[in-house]
Protein backbone atom coordinates (compact mmCIF):
# COMPACT_ATOMS: atom_id res chain seq x y z
CA UNK A 1 -17.82 30.24 -23.78
CA UNK A 2 -19.72 27.09 -23.39
CA UNK A 3 -23.10 28.35 -22.85
CA UNK A 4 -25.17 29.08 -19.74
CA UNK A 5 -27.38 27.21 -17.20
CA UNK A 6 -30.16 24.81 -18.03
CA UNK A 7 -32.86 27.31 -17.17
CA UNK A 8 -31.40 29.89 -19.74
CA UNK A 9 -31.10 27.33 -22.38
CA UNK A 10 -34.72 26.18 -21.68
CA UNK A 11 -36.01 29.65 -21.90
CA UNK A 12 -34.04 30.32 -24.93
CA UNK A 13 -35.49 27.20 -26.70
CA UNK A 14 -38.80 28.58 -26.01
CA UNK A 15 -38.42 32.21 -27.07
CA UNK A 16 -36.10 31.84 -29.99
CA UNK A 17 -38.64 30.47 -32.36
CA UNK A 18 -41.28 33.09 -31.26
CA UNK A 19 -38.66 35.97 -31.65
CA UNK A 20 -37.64 34.66 -35.13
CA UNK A 21 -41.22 34.58 -36.35
CA UNK A 22 -41.99 38.07 -35.04
CA UNK A 23 -38.84 39.25 -36.90
CA UNK A 24 -40.01 37.73 -40.06
CA UNK A 25 -43.44 39.15 -39.58
CA UNK A 26 -42.09 42.75 -38.97
CA UNK A 27 -40.03 42.32 -42.14
CA UNK A 28 -42.75 41.03 -44.49
CA UNK A 29 -45.29 43.55 -43.24
CA UNK A 30 -42.86 46.52 -43.19
CA UNK A 31 -44.76 48.49 -45.95
CA UNK A 32 -48.11 47.98 -44.15
CA UNK A 33 -47.17 48.55 -40.46
CA UNK A 34 -44.36 50.07 -38.58
CA UNK A 35 -41.22 48.22 -39.22
CA UNK A 36 -39.42 46.85 -42.20
CA UNK A 37 -36.22 45.30 -43.13
CA UNK A 38 -33.94 47.02 -40.69
CA UNK A 39 -36.30 46.52 -37.58
CA UNK A 40 -36.87 42.89 -38.62
CA UNK A 41 -33.25 42.23 -39.08
CA UNK A 42 -32.43 43.61 -35.67
CA UNK A 43 -35.12 41.25 -34.18
CA UNK A 44 -33.64 38.27 -36.18
CA UNK A 45 -30.19 39.15 -34.91
CA UNK A 46 -31.44 39.33 -31.35
CA UNK A 47 -32.65 35.69 -31.81
CA UNK A 48 -29.24 34.62 -33.08
CA UNK A 49 -27.41 36.47 -30.30
CA UNK A 50 -29.62 35.14 -27.61
CA UNK A 51 -28.86 31.65 -29.11
CA UNK A 52 -25.21 32.26 -29.17
CA UNK A 53 -25.14 33.53 -25.55
CA UNK A 54 -27.27 30.65 -24.22
CA UNK A 55 -25.57 27.79 -26.10
CA UNK A 56 -21.99 29.15 -26.60
CA UNK A 57 -19.91 30.05 -29.55
CA UNK A 58 -18.72 26.41 -30.08
CA UNK A 59 -22.48 25.35 -30.78
CA UNK A 60 -22.86 28.07 -33.26
CA UNK A 61 -19.52 27.25 -35.16
CA UNK A 62 -20.92 23.57 -35.41
CA UNK A 63 -23.98 24.69 -37.25
CA UNK A 64 -22.90 27.69 -39.30
CA UNK A 65 -19.40 28.85 -39.86
CA UNK A 66 -18.22 32.62 -39.71
CA UNK A 67 -17.60 32.45 -43.59
CA UNK A 68 -21.11 31.57 -44.39
CA UNK A 69 -22.40 34.45 -42.19
CA UNK A 70 -20.29 36.86 -44.03
CA UNK A 71 -21.18 35.29 -47.60
CA UNK A 72 -24.85 35.54 -46.93
CA UNK A 73 -24.42 39.18 -45.61
CA UNK A 74 -22.66 40.14 -48.94
CA UNK A 75 -25.42 38.40 -50.93
CA UNK A 76 -28.00 40.43 -48.97
CA UNK A 77 -26.24 43.63 -49.80
CA UNK A 78 -25.74 42.72 -53.46
CA UNK A 79 -29.47 41.89 -53.80
CA UNK A 80 -30.43 45.17 -52.36
CA UNK A 81 -28.33 46.79 -54.94
CA UNK A 82 -29.80 44.43 -57.70
CA UNK A 83 -33.33 45.37 -56.48
CA UNK A 84 -32.57 49.11 -56.70
CA UNK A 85 -31.08 48.71 -60.28
CA UNK A 86 -33.88 46.73 -61.79
CA UNK A 87 -35.62 50.18 -62.19
CA UNK A 88 -32.68 51.44 -64.33
CA UNK A 89 -32.86 48.18 -66.41
CA UNK A 90 -36.47 48.74 -67.37
CA UNK A 91 -35.87 52.49 -68.24
CA UNK A 92 -36.94 54.05 -64.93
CA UNK A 93 -34.92 55.56 -62.29
CA UNK A 94 -32.99 54.02 -59.50
CA UNK A 95 -35.25 52.29 -56.89
CA UNK A 96 -38.33 52.85 -59.13
CA UNK A 97 -41.16 50.81 -57.94
CA UNK A 98 -43.91 51.51 -60.36
CA UNK A 99 -44.07 49.48 -63.61
CA UNK A 100 -41.43 46.87 -62.66
CA UNK A 101 -42.92 44.44 -60.00
CA UNK A 102 -46.54 43.06 -59.48
CA UNK A 103 -48.62 45.22 -56.94
CA UNK A 104 -51.46 42.85 -56.10
CA UNK A 105 -54.32 44.03 -53.90
CA UNK A 106 -53.60 47.06 -51.74
CA UNK A 107 -53.31 46.26 -48.14
CA UNK A 108 -52.02 42.67 -48.78
CA UNK A 109 -48.53 41.36 -48.13
CA UNK A 110 -47.38 41.41 -51.67
CA UNK A 111 -48.90 44.90 -52.58
CA UNK A 112 -45.96 47.12 -52.63
CA UNK A 113 -43.92 46.24 -55.80
CA UNK A 114 -40.24 45.85 -54.85
CA UNK A 115 -40.52 47.03 -51.34
CA UNK A 116 -41.07 43.62 -49.81
CA UNK A 117 -38.03 42.24 -51.62
CA UNK A 118 -35.98 45.03 -50.45
CA UNK A 119 -37.25 44.45 -46.90
CA UNK A 120 -36.43 40.64 -47.05
CA UNK A 121 -32.76 41.44 -48.32
CA UNK A 122 -32.33 44.40 -45.74
CA UNK A 123 -33.32 41.92 -42.90
CA UNK A 124 -30.97 39.39 -43.99
CA UNK A 125 -28.07 41.85 -44.45
CA UNK A 126 -28.76 43.57 -40.98
CA UNK A 127 -29.21 40.41 -39.12
CA UNK A 128 -26.08 38.83 -40.29
CA UNK A 129 -24.13 42.07 -39.97
CA UNK A 130 -24.96 42.22 -36.34
CA UNK A 131 -24.30 38.42 -35.97
CA UNK A 132 -20.92 38.77 -37.49
CA UNK A 133 -20.01 41.84 -35.29
CA UNK A 134 -21.15 40.03 -32.23
CA UNK A 135 -19.28 36.95 -33.11
CA UNK A 136 -16.09 38.95 -33.61
CA UNK A 137 -16.62 40.52 -30.04
CA UNK A 138 -17.18 37.13 -28.46
CA UNK A 139 -14.06 35.71 -30.26
CA UNK A 140 -11.96 38.64 -29.09
CA UNK A 141 -13.28 38.30 -25.58
CA UNK A 142 -12.57 34.79 -25.20
CA UNK A 143 -8.93 35.27 -26.36
CA UNK A 144 -9.28 33.43 -29.58
CA UNK A 145 -7.59 34.95 -32.50
CA UNK A 146 -9.16 34.72 -35.91
């Protein structure tokens, strides 16, 4: 897969940064508005898949290897578990939010304790899980064996 036409590549260059920023916005404001880590991660994955389709698998492999995607996905899952266990470390229960993290002013971005951290790691994990799965499908479809 070498990519698509110039029109598709141009539209992708325009839309990809906007989609990426909206995915980050949905992730960071997940405790205040509808959305969160999963929804933001899917939007980020959609951005990466759009780039993958428009420019081809070879262009993605030049910038980021498959192994890096799997590694960051694993780090995201590990940090979700770590965020959940911090409550136990401080003598509370699993995923305890009160008393561990700073709350800030209600209604602000960093006003929900560990929830924004969880959303960030969830978005990273979901985005890269979708990207790795899509990457595997495109490699299989093109006849390449991994």
